[in-house]
Amino acid sequence: MATLKTIAVTGITAGVAVTAVSDQGWCTVAGGSFVGNGNFTIQCGAYSSTDSDRSANVTVTSSDGATAAIVTVSQLRQSVILLTPNAVTFDAAGNVLT
């Protein structure tokens, strides 16, 4: 069974597009783009390993050239999911605050 988590993105200037993409196939991003503030849903496939954890990086970028934010998705043994950070906030200059 897949596990879902949400990443909130705030501080985006009105009219600016935001995208998110995962670097691992087992970790997908639903709602991978939107304009302004919003949420992405991370979906991770079932993971039954009891021997090791796995991780993916979700890169969040905006169309105004702001610094990209990286959210690390850690899927622990038996499918426990951790997001670090679990939200991304940009300031008016496009710098990542969280």
PDB file of N, CA and C in Angstrom:
ATOM      1  N   MET A   1       0.841  -1.184   0.000  1.00  0.00           N
ATOM      2  CA  MET A   1       0.000   0.000   0.000  1.00  0.00           C
ATOM      3  C   MET A   1       0.881   1.240   0.000  1.00  0.00           C
ATOM      4  N   ALA A   2       0.531   2.208  -0.806  1.00  0.00           N
ATOM      5  CA  ALA A   2       1.299   3.445  -0.899  1.00  0.00           C
ATOM      6  C   ALA A   2       1.026   4.339   0.306  1.00  0.00           C
ATOM      7  N   THR A   3       2.026   5.145   0.644  1.00  0.00           N
ATOM      8  CA  THR A   3       1.917   6.094   1.739  1.00  0.00           C
ATOM      9  C   THR A   3       1.945   7.500   1.162  1.00  0.00           C
ATOM     10  N   LEU A   4       1.078   8.398   1.667  1.00  0.00           N
ATOM     11  CA  LEU A   4       0.993   9.771   1.185  1.00  0.00           C
ATOM     12  C   LEU A   4       1.423  10.746   2.265  1.00  0.00           C
ATOM     13  N   LYS A   5       2.161  11.780   1.860  1.00  0.00           N
ATOM     14  CA  LYS A   5       2.543  12.894   2.734  1.00  0.00           C
ATOM     15  C   LYS A   5       2.393  14.176   1.929  1.00  0.00           C
ATOM     16  N   THR A   6       2.200  15.291   2.624  1.00  0.00           N
ATOM     17  CA  THR A   6       2.009  16.579   1.958  1.00  0.00           C
ATOM     18  C   THR A   6       3.152  17.528   2.284  1.00  0.00           C
ATOM     19  N   ILE A   7       3.593  18.269   1.259  1.00  0.00           N
ATOM     20  CA  ILE A   7       4.565  19.344   1.433  1.00  0.00           C
ATOM     21  C   ILE A   7       3.849  20.651   1.123  1.00  0.00           C
ATOM     22  N   ALA A   8       3.811  21.564   2.093  1.00  0.00           N
ATOM     23  CA  ALA A   8       3.220  22.886   1.890  1.00  0.00           C
ATOM     24  C   ALA A   8       4.298  23.840   1.397  1.00  0.00           C
ATOM     25  N   VAL A   9       3.966  24.649   0.383  1.00  0.00           N
ATOM     26  CA  VAL A   9       4.890  25.645  -0.153  1.00  0.00           C
ATOM     27  C   VAL A   9       4.249  27.018   0.023  1.00  0.00           C
ATOM     28  N   THR A  10       4.938  27.930   0.717  1.00  0.00           N
ATOM     29  CA  THR A  10       4.400  29.265   0.981  1.00  0.00           C
ATOM     30  C   THR A  10       5.442  30.329   0.645  1.00  0.00           C
ATOM     31  N   GLY A  11       4.988  31.563   0.607  1.00  0.00           N
ATOM     32  CA  GLY A  11       5.870  32.692   0.335  1.00  0.00           C
ATOM     33  C   GLY A  11       6.099  32.933  -1.142  1.00  0.00           C
ATOM     34  N   ILE A  12       5.321  32.283  -1.997  1.00  0.00           N
ATOM     35  CA  ILE A  12       5.479  32.423  -3.444  1.00  0.00           C
ATOM     36  C   ILE A  12       4.709  33.653  -3.919  1.00  0.00           C
ATOM     37  N   THR A  13       5.341  34.448  -4.746  1.00  0.00           N
ATOM     38  CA  THR A  13       4.710  35.633  -5.317  1.00  0.00           C
ATOM     39  C   THR A  13       3.569  35.211  -6.234  1.00  0.00           C
ATOM     40  N   ALA A  14       2.465  35.945  -6.193  1.00  0.00           N
ATOM     41  CA  ALA A  14       1.324  35.651  -7.057  1.00  0.00           C
ATOM     42  C   ALA A  14       1.780  35.577  -8.514  1.00  0.00           C
ATOM     43  N   GLY A  15       1.305  34.586  -9.219  1.00  0.00           N
ATOM     44  CA  GLY A  15       1.633  34.420 -10.633  1.00  0.00           C
ATOM     45  C   GLY A  15       2.893  33.624 -10.912  1.00  0.00           C
ATOM     46  N   VAL A  16       3.635  33.257  -9.871  1.00  0.00           N
ATOM     47  CA  VAL A  16       4.872  32.493 -10.053  1.00  0.00           C
ATOM     48  C   VAL A  16       4.547  31.001  -9.991  1.00  0.00           C
ATOM     49  N   ALA A  17       5.027  30.258 -10.988  1.00  0.00           N
ATOM     50  CA  ALA A  17       4.797  28.812 -11.039  1.00  0.00           C
ATOM     51  C   ALA A  17       5.806  28.080 -10.166  1.00  0.00           C
ATOM     52  N   VAL A  18       5.351  27.009  -9.541  1.00  0.00           N
ATOM     53  CA  VAL A  18       6.185  26.176  -8.685  1.00  0.00           C
ATOM     54  C   VAL A  18       6.092  24.742  -9.200  1.00  0.00           C
ATOM     55  N   THR A  19       7.229  24.047  -9.223  1.00  0.00           N
ATOM     56  CA  THR A  19       7.235  22.645  -9.625  1.00  0.00           C
ATOM     57  C   THR A  19       8.015  21.823  -8.602  1.00  0.00           C
ATOM     58  N   ALA A  20       7.695  20.547  -8.548  1.00  0.00           N
ATOM     59  CA  ALA A  20       8.422  19.623  -7.683  1.00  0.00           C
ATOM     60  C   ALA A  20       8.628  18.326  -8.447  1.00  0.00           C
ATOM     61  N   VAL A  21       9.812  17.747  -8.289  1.00  0.00           N
ATOM     62  CA  VAL A  21      10.132  16.490  -8.960  1.00  0.00           C
ATOM     63  C   VAL A  21      10.991  15.631  -8.043  1.00  0.00           C
ATOM     64  N   SER A  22      10.729  14.333  -8.061  1.00  0.00           N
ATOM     65  CA  SER A  22      11.477  13.377  -7.248  1.00  0.00           C
ATOM     66  C   SER A  22      12.594  12.758  -8.078  1.00  0.00           C
ATOM     67  N   ASP A  23      13.682  12.393  -7.410  1.00  0.00           N
ATOM     68  CA  ASP A  23      14.784  11.736  -8.119  1.00  0.00           C
ATOM     69  C   ASP A  23      14.725  10.207  -8.032  1.00  0.00           C
ATOM     70  N   GLN A  24      13.634   9.662  -7.458  1.00  0.00           N
ATOM     71  CA  GLN A  24      13.492   8.210  -7.335  1.00  0.00           C
ATOM     72  C   GLN A  24      12.114   7.773  -7.826  1.00  0.00           C
ATOM     73  N   GLY A  25      12.066   6.672  -8.556  1.00  0.00           N
ATOM     74  CA  GLY A  25      10.813   6.184  -9.110  1.00  0.00           C
ATOM     75  C   GLY A  25       9.804   5.714  -8.083  1.00  0.00           C
ATOM     76  N   TRP A  26      10.250   5.253  -6.924  1.00  0.00           N
ATOM     77  CA  TRP A  26       9.329   4.774  -5.885  1.00  0.00           C
ATOM     78  C   TRP A  26       8.662   5.917  -5.126  1.00  0.00           C
ATOM     79  N   CYS A  27       9.152   7.128  -5.343  1.00  0.00           N
ATOM     80  CA  CYS A  27       8.643   8.326  -4.671  1.00  0.00           C
ATOM     81  C   CYS A  27       8.148   9.291  -5.743  1.00  0.00           C
ATOM     82  N   THR A  28       6.835   9.457  -5.855  1.00  0.00           N
ATOM     83  CA  THR A  28       6.289  10.313  -6.904  1.00  0.00           C
ATOM     84  C   THR A  28       5.631  11.549  -6.295  1.00  0.00           C
ATOM     85  N   VAL A  29       5.470  12.587  -7.132  1.00  0.00           N
ATOM     86  CA  VAL A  29       4.875  13.851  -6.705  1.00  0.00           C
ATOM     87  C   VAL A  29       3.565  14.041  -7.450  1.00  0.00           C
ATOM     88  N   ALA A  30       2.463  14.123  -6.714  1.00  0.00           N
ATOM     89  CA  ALA A  30       1.162  14.429  -7.305  1.00  0.00           C
ATOM     90  C   ALA A  30       0.948  15.932  -7.205  1.00  0.00           C
ATOM     91  N   GLY A  31       0.322  16.513  -8.205  1.00  0.00           N
ATOM     92  CA  GLY A  31       0.153  17.965  -8.209  1.00  0.00           C
ATOM     93  C   GLY A  31       1.501  18.615  -8.371  1.00  0.00           C
ATOM     94  N   GLY A  32       2.310  18.103  -9.303  1.00  0.00           N
ATOM     95  CA  GLY A  32       3.706  18.497  -9.468  1.00  0.00           C
ATOM     96  C   GLY A  32       3.957  19.922  -9.884  1.00  0.00           C
ATOM     97  N   SER A  33       2.906  20.683 -10.151  1.00  0.00           N
ATOM     98  CA  SER A  33       3.104  22.103 -10.443  1.00  0.00           C
ATOM     99  C   SER A  33       1.821  22.867 -10.122  1.00  0.00           C
ATOM    100  N   PHE A  34       2.012  24.113  -9.724  1.00  0.00           N
ATOM    101  CA  PHE A  34       0.895  25.013  -9.454  1.00  0.00           C
ATOM    102  C   PHE A  34       1.426  26.437  -9.501  1.00  0.00           C
ATOM    103  N   VAL A  35       0.532  27.418  -9.407  1.00  0.00           N
ATOM    104  CA  VAL A  35       0.914  28.833  -9.414  1.00  0.00           C
ATOM    105  C   VAL A  35       0.593  29.413  -8.047  1.00  0.00           C
ATOM    106  N   GLY A  36       1.569  30.144  -7.461  1.00  0.00           N
ATOM    107  CA  GLY A  36       1.385  30.724  -6.136  1.00  0.00           C
ATOM    108  C   GLY A  36       1.642  29.691  -5.057  1.00  0.00           C
ATOM    109  N   ASN A  37       1.109  29.922  -3.871  1.00  0.00           N
ATOM    110  CA  ASN A  37       1.265  28.987  -2.750  1.00  0.00           C
ATOM    111  C   ASN A  37       0.406  27.752  -2.972  1.00  0.00           C
ATOM    112  N   GLY A  38       0.839  26.624  -2.419  1.00  0.00           N
ATOM    113  CA  GLY A  38       0.050  25.407  -2.576  1.00  0.00           C
ATOM    114  C   GLY A  38       0.705  24.225  -1.904  1.00  0.00           C
ATOM    115  N   ASN A  39       0.211  23.054  -2.228  1.00  0.00           N
ATOM    116  CA  ASN A  39       0.703  21.809  -1.634  1.00  0.00           C
ATOM    117  C   ASN A  39       1.039  20.779  -2.706  1.00  0.00           C
ATOM    118  N   PHE A  40       2.066  19.994  -2.435  1.00  0.00           N
ATOM    119  CA  PHE A  40       2.388  18.825  -3.228  1.00  0.00           C
ATOM    120  C   PHE A  40       2.082  17.605  -2.377  1.00  0.00           C
ATOM    121  N   THR A  41       1.638  16.544  -3.012  1.00  0.00           N
ATOM    122  CA  THR A  41       1.456  15.281  -2.306  1.00  0.00           C
ATOM    123  C   THR A  41       2.534  14.318  -2.765  1.00  0.00           C
ATOM    124  N   ILE A  42       3.256  13.779  -1.811  1.00  0.00           N
ATOM    125  CA  ILE A  42       4.302  12.795  -2.067  1.00  0.00           C
ATOM    126  C   ILE A  42       3.688  11.416  -1.859  1.00  0.00           C
ATOM    127  N   GLN A  43       3.858  10.554  -2.848  1.00  0.00           N
ATOM    128  CA  GLN A  43       3.361   9.190  -2.734  1.00  0.00           C
ATOM    129  C   GLN A  43       4.542   8.237  -2.812  1.00  0.00           C
ATOM    130  N   CYS A  44       4.665   7.394  -1.814  1.00  0.00           N
ATOM    131  CA  CYS A  44       5.760   6.427  -1.752  1.00  0.00           C
ATOM    132  C   CYS A  44       5.191   5.025  -1.840  1.00  0.00           C
ATOM    133  N   GLY A  45       5.789   4.220  -2.688  1.00  0.00           N
ATOM    134  CA  GLY A  45       5.351   2.845  -2.842  1.00  0.00           C
ATOM    135  C   GLY A  45       5.589   2.038  -1.582  1.00  0.00           C
ATOM    136  N   ALA A  46       4.884   0.921  -1.472  1.00  0.00           N
ATOM    137  CA  ALA A  46       5.043   0.039  -0.322  1.00  0.00           C
ATOM    138  C   ALA A  46       6.491  -0.414  -0.211  1.00  0.00           C
ATOM    139  N   TYR A  47       6.956  -0.562   0.999  1.00  0.00           N
ATOM    140  CA  TYR A  47       8.343  -0.951   1.258  1.00  0.00           C
ATOM    141  C   TYR A  47       8.345  -1.888   2.451  1.00  0.00           C
ATOM    142  N   SER A  48       8.668  -3.128   2.215  1.00  0.00           N
ATOM    143  CA  SER A  48       8.577  -4.118   3.284  1.00  0.00           C
ATOM    144  C   SER A  48       9.926  -4.547   3.839  1.00  0.00           C
ATOM    145  N   SER A  49      10.997  -3.910   3.416  1.00  0.00           N
ATOM    146  CA  SER A  49      12.320  -4.293   3.890  1.00  0.00           C
ATOM    147  C   SER A  49      12.440  -4.090   5.400  1.00  0.00           C
ATOM    148  N   THR A  50      13.078  -5.021   6.049  1.00  0.00           N
ATOM    149  CA  THR A  50      13.396  -4.862   7.466  1.00  0.00           C
ATOM    150  C   THR A  50      14.885  -4.657   7.664  1.00  0.00           C
ATOM    151  N   ASP A  51      15.627  -4.578   6.544  1.00  0.00           N
ATOM    152  CA  ASP A  51      17.083  -4.492   6.605  1.00  0.00           C
ATOM    153  C   ASP A  51      17.639  -3.083   6.417  1.00  0.00           C
ATOM    154  N   SER A  52      16.955  -2.248   5.642  1.00  0.00           N
ATOM    155  CA  SER A  52      17.539  -0.941   5.348  1.00  0.00           C
ATOM    156  C   SER A  52      16.451   0.091   5.059  1.00  0.00           C
ATOM    157  N   ASP A  53      16.835   1.342   5.151  1.00  0.00           N
ATOM    158  CA  ASP A  53      15.972   2.460   4.808  1.00  0.00           C
ATOM    159  C   ASP A  53      16.303   2.884   3.381  1.00  0.00           C
ATOM    160  N   ARG A  54      15.462   3.736   2.791  1.00  0.00           N
ATOM    161  CA  ARG A  54      15.778   4.313   1.489  1.00  0.00           C
ATOM    162  C   ARG A  54      15.363   5.777   1.502  1.00  0.00           C
ATOM    163  N   SER A  55      15.953   6.549   0.602  1.00  0.00           N
ATOM    164  CA  SER A  55      15.633   7.976   0.579  1.00  0.00           C
ATOM    165  C   SER A  55      15.572   8.495  -0.850  1.00  0.00           C
ATOM    166  N   ALA A  56      14.865   9.601  -0.988  1.00  0.00           N
ATOM    167  CA  ALA A  56      14.722  10.300  -2.264  1.00  0.00           C
ATOM    168  C   ALA A  56      14.811  11.791  -1.978  1.00  0.00           C
ATOM    169  N   ASN A  57      15.177  12.555  -2.990  1.00  0.00           N
ATOM    170  CA  ASN A  57      15.162  14.008  -2.882  1.00  0.00           C
ATOM    171  C   ASN A  57      14.082  14.558  -3.801  1.00  0.00           C
ATOM    172  N   VAL A  58      13.236  15.430  -3.257  1.00  0.00           N
ATOM    173  CA  VAL A  58      12.234  16.135  -4.046  1.00  0.00           C
ATOM    174  C   VAL A  58      12.720  17.578  -4.170  1.00  0.00           C
ATOM    175  N   THR A  59      12.951  18.004  -5.394  1.00  0.00           N
ATOM    176  CA  THR A  59      13.439  19.365  -5.654  1.00  0.00           C
ATOM    177  C   THR A  59      12.258  20.263  -5.976  1.00  0.00           C
ATOM    178  N   VAL A  60      12.120  21.348  -5.205  1.00  0.00           N
ATOM    179  CA  VAL A  60      11.040  22.322  -5.380  1.00  0.00           C
ATOM    180  C   VAL A  60      11.654  23.589  -5.978  1.00  0.00           C
ATOM    181  N   THR A  61      11.181  23.983  -7.150  1.00  0.00           N
ATOM    182  CA  THR A  61      11.707  25.183  -7.822  1.00  0.00           C
ATOM    183  C   THR A  61      10.552  26.100  -8.206  1.00  0.00           C
ATOM    184  N   SER A  62      10.883  27.369  -8.418  1.00  0.00           N
ATOM    185  CA  SER A  62       9.881  28.337  -8.864  1.00  0.00           C
ATOM    186  C   SER A  62      10.349  28.985 -10.149  1.00  0.00           C
ATOM    187  N   SER A  63       9.396  29.480 -10.927  1.00  0.00           N
ATOM    188  CA  SER A  63       9.705  30.046 -12.246  1.00  0.00           C
ATOM    189  C   SER A  63      10.385  31.407 -12.175  1.00  0.00           C
ATOM    190  N   ASP A  64      10.490  32.007 -10.982  1.00  0.00           N
ATOM    191  CA  ASP A  64      11.131  33.313 -10.867  1.00  0.00           C
ATOM    192  C   ASP A  64      12.630  33.208 -10.595  1.00  0.00           C
ATOM    193  N   GLY A  65      13.172  31.990 -10.659  1.00  0.00           N
ATOM    194  CA  GLY A  65      14.612  31.819 -10.479  1.00  0.00           C
ATOM    195  C   GLY A  65      15.065  31.762  -9.038  1.00  0.00           C
ATOM    196  N   ALA A  66      14.136  31.582  -8.127  1.00  0.00           N
ATOM    197  CA  ALA A  66      14.492  31.486  -6.708  1.00  0.00           C
ATOM    198  C   ALA A  66      15.353  30.256  -6.470  1.00  0.00           C
ATOM    199  N   THR A  67      16.040  30.254  -5.366  1.00  0.00           N
ATOM    200  CA  THR A  67      16.842  29.113  -4.963  1.00  0.00           C
ATOM    201  C   THR A  67      15.946  27.876  -4.837  1.00  0.00           C
ATOM    202  N   ALA A  68      16.404  26.754  -5.352  1.00  0.00           N
ATOM    203  CA  ALA A  68      15.639  25.514  -5.232  1.00  0.00           C
ATOM    204  C   ALA A  68      15.697  25.001  -3.802  1.00  0.00           C
ATOM    205  N   ALA A  69      14.614  24.403  -3.366  1.00  0.00           N
ATOM    206  CA  ALA A  69      14.564  23.768  -2.054  1.00  0.00           C
ATOM    207  C   ALA A  69      14.585  22.261  -2.260  1.00  0.00           C
ATOM    208  N   ILE A  70      15.303  21.568  -1.400  1.00  0.00           N
ATOM    209  CA  ILE A  70      15.367  20.117  -1.456  1.00  0.00           C
ATOM    210  C   ILE A  70      14.655  19.555  -0.233  1.00  0.00           C
ATOM    211  N   VAL A  71      13.684  18.691  -0.461  1.00  0.00           N
ATOM    212  CA  VAL A  71      13.010  17.986   0.618  1.00  0.00           C
ATOM    213  C   VAL A  71      13.474  16.533   0.549  1.00  0.00           C
ATOM    214  N   THR A  72      14.038  16.047   1.641  1.00  0.00           N
ATOM    215  CA  THR A  72      14.477  14.658   1.695  1.00  0.00           C
ATOM    216  C   THR A  72      13.330  13.792   2.196  1.00  0.00           C
ATOM    217  N   VAL A  73      13.013  12.775   1.425  1.00  0.00           N
ATOM    218  CA  VAL A  73      11.971  11.816   1.786  1.00  0.00           C
ATOM    219  C   VAL A  73      12.683  10.549   2.235  1.00  0.00           C
ATOM    220  N   SER A  74      12.507  10.186   3.474  1.00  0.00           N
ATOM    221  CA  SER A  74      13.120   8.975   4.016  1.00  0.00           C
ATOM    222  C   SER A  74      12.033   7.954   4.279  1.00  0.00           C
ATOM    223  N   GLN A  75      12.175   6.800   3.643  1.00  0.00           N
ATOM    224  CA  GLN A  75      11.228   5.718   3.894  1.00  0.00           C
ATOM    225  C   GLN A  75      11.962   4.684   4.730  1.00  0.00           C
ATOM    226  N   LEU A  76      11.536   4.592   5.974  1.00  0.00           N
ATOM    227  CA  LEU A  76      12.184   3.697   6.918  1.00  0.00           C
ATOM    228  C   LEU A  76      11.633   2.284   6.767  1.00  0.00           C
ATOM    229  N   ARG A  77      12.300   1.374   7.374  1.00  0.00           N
ATOM    230  CA  ARG A  77      11.827  -0.012   7.343  1.00  0.00           C
ATOM    231  C   ARG A  77      10.347  -0.067   7.674  1.00  0.00           C
ATOM    232  N   GLN A  78       9.647  -0.910   7.005  1.00  0.00           N
ATOM    233  CA  GLN A  78       8.204  -1.113   7.207  1.00  0.00           C
ATOM    234  C   GLN A  78       7.377   0.102   6.789  1.00  0.00           C
ATOM    235  N   SER A  79       7.869   0.906   5.857  1.00  0.00           N
ATOM    236  CA  SER A  79       7.131   1.976   5.176  1.00  0.00           C
ATOM    237  C   SER A  79       6.830   3.226   5.981  1.00  0.00           C
ATOM    238  N   VAL A  80       7.506   3.483   7.080  1.00  0.00           N
ATOM    239  CA  VAL A  80       7.341   4.755   7.792  1.00  0.00           C
ATOM    240  C   VAL A  80       8.003   5.845   6.950  1.00  0.00           C
ATOM    241  N   ILE A  81       7.298   6.971   6.723  1.00  0.00           N
ATOM    242  CA  ILE A  81       7.795   8.056   5.869  1.00  0.00           C
ATOM    243  C   ILE A  81       8.107   9.290   6.707  1.00  0.00           C
ATOM    244  N   LEU A  82       9.287   9.870   6.488  1.00  0.00           N
ATOM    245  CA  LEU A  82       9.676  11.132   7.113  1.00  0.00           C
ATOM    246  C   LEU A  82      10.015  12.133   6.027  1.00  0.00           C
ATOM    247  N   LEU A  83       9.573  13.388   6.173  1.00  0.00           N
ATOM    248  CA  LEU A  83       9.919  14.472   5.250  1.00  0.00           C
ATOM    249  C   LEU A  83      10.762  15.486   6.001  1.00  0.00           C
ATOM    250  N   THR A  84      11.888  15.903   5.390  1.00  0.00           N
ATOM    251  CA  THR A  84      12.750  16.897   6.017  1.00  0.00           C
ATOM    252  C   THR A  84      13.128  17.959   4.994  1.00  0.00           C
ATOM    253  N   PRO A  85      12.640  19.180   5.083  1.00  0.00           N
ATOM    254  CA  PRO A  85      11.570  19.658   5.958  1.00  0.00           C
ATOM    255  C   PRO A  85      10.214  19.212   5.416  1.00  0.00           C
ATOM    256  N   ASN A  86       9.160  19.412   6.188  1.00  0.00           N
ATOM    257  CA  ASN A  86       7.832  19.034   5.720  1.00  0.00           C
ATOM    258  C   ASN A  86       7.070  20.209   5.130  1.00  0.00           C
ATOM    259  N   ALA A  87       7.727  21.360   5.034  1.00  0.00           N
ATOM    260  CA  ALA A  87       7.159  22.543   4.390  1.00  0.00           C
ATOM    261  C   ALA A  87       8.311  23.366   3.825  1.00  0.00           C
ATOM    262  N   VAL A  88       8.019  24.139   2.785  1.00  0.00           N
ATOM    263  CA  VAL A  88       9.024  25.001   2.164  1.00  0.00           C
ATOM    264  C   VAL A  88       8.469  26.415   2.137  1.00  0.00           C
ATOM    265  N   THR A  89       9.249  27.362   2.651  1.00  0.00           N
ATOM    266  CA  THR A  89       8.834  28.767   2.646  1.00  0.00           C
ATOM    267  C   THR A  89       9.926  29.590   1.958  1.00  0.00           C
ATOM    268  N   PHE A  90       9.504  30.414   1.004  1.00  0.00           N
ATOM    269  CA  PHE A  90      10.401  31.328   0.300  1.00  0.00           C
ATOM    270  C   PHE A  90      10.150  32.737   0.802  1.00  0.00           C
ATOM    271  N   ASP A  91      11.200  33.589   0.825  1.00  0.00           N
ATOM    272  CA  ASP A  91      10.993  35.000   1.140  1.00  0.00           C
ATOM    273  C   ASP A  91      10.780  35.763  -0.156  1.00  0.00           C
ATOM    274  N   ALA A  92      10.536  37.078  -0.053  1.00  0.00           N
ATOM    275  CA  ALA A  92      10.220  37.893  -1.220  1.00  0.00           C
ATOM    276  C   ALA A  92      11.356  37.930  -2.238  1.00  0.00           C
ATOM    277  N   ALA A  93      12.587  37.707  -1.798  1.00  0.00           N
ATOM    278  CA  ALA A  93      13.734  37.710  -2.712  1.00  0.00           C
ATOM    279  C   ALA A  93      13.963  36.344  -3.353  1.00  0.00           C
ATOM    280  N   GLY A  94      13.136  35.357  -2.980  1.00  0.00           N
ATOM    281  CA  GLY A  94      13.264  34.033  -3.560  1.00  0.00           C
ATOM    282  C   GLY A  94      14.210  33.111  -2.821  1.00  0.00           C
ATOM    283  N   ASN A  95      14.614  33.508  -1.632  1.00  0.00           N
ATOM    284  CA  ASN A  95      15.488  32.655  -0.822  1.00  0.00           C
ATOM    285  C   ASN A  95      14.666  31.635  -0.055  1.00  0.00           C
ATOM    286  N   VAL A  96      15.197  30.452   0.116  1.00  0.00           N
ATOM    287  CA  VAL A  96      14.515  29.419   0.885  1.00  0.00           C
ATOM    288  C   VAL A  96      14.704  29.711   2.369  1.00  0.00           C
ATOM    289  N   LEU A  97      13.595  29.820   3.093  1.00  0.00           N
ATOM    290  CA  LEU A  97      13.653  30.076   4.526  1.00  0.00           C
ATOM    291  C   LEU A  97      13.612  28.790   5.329  1.00  0.00           C
ATOM    292  N   THR A  98      12.916  27.763   4.821  1.00  0.00           N
ATOM    293  CA  THR A  98      12.854  26.457   5.503  1.00  0.00           C
ATOM    294  C   THR A  98      13.107  25.357   4.517  1.00  0.00           C
TER     295      THR A  98
END
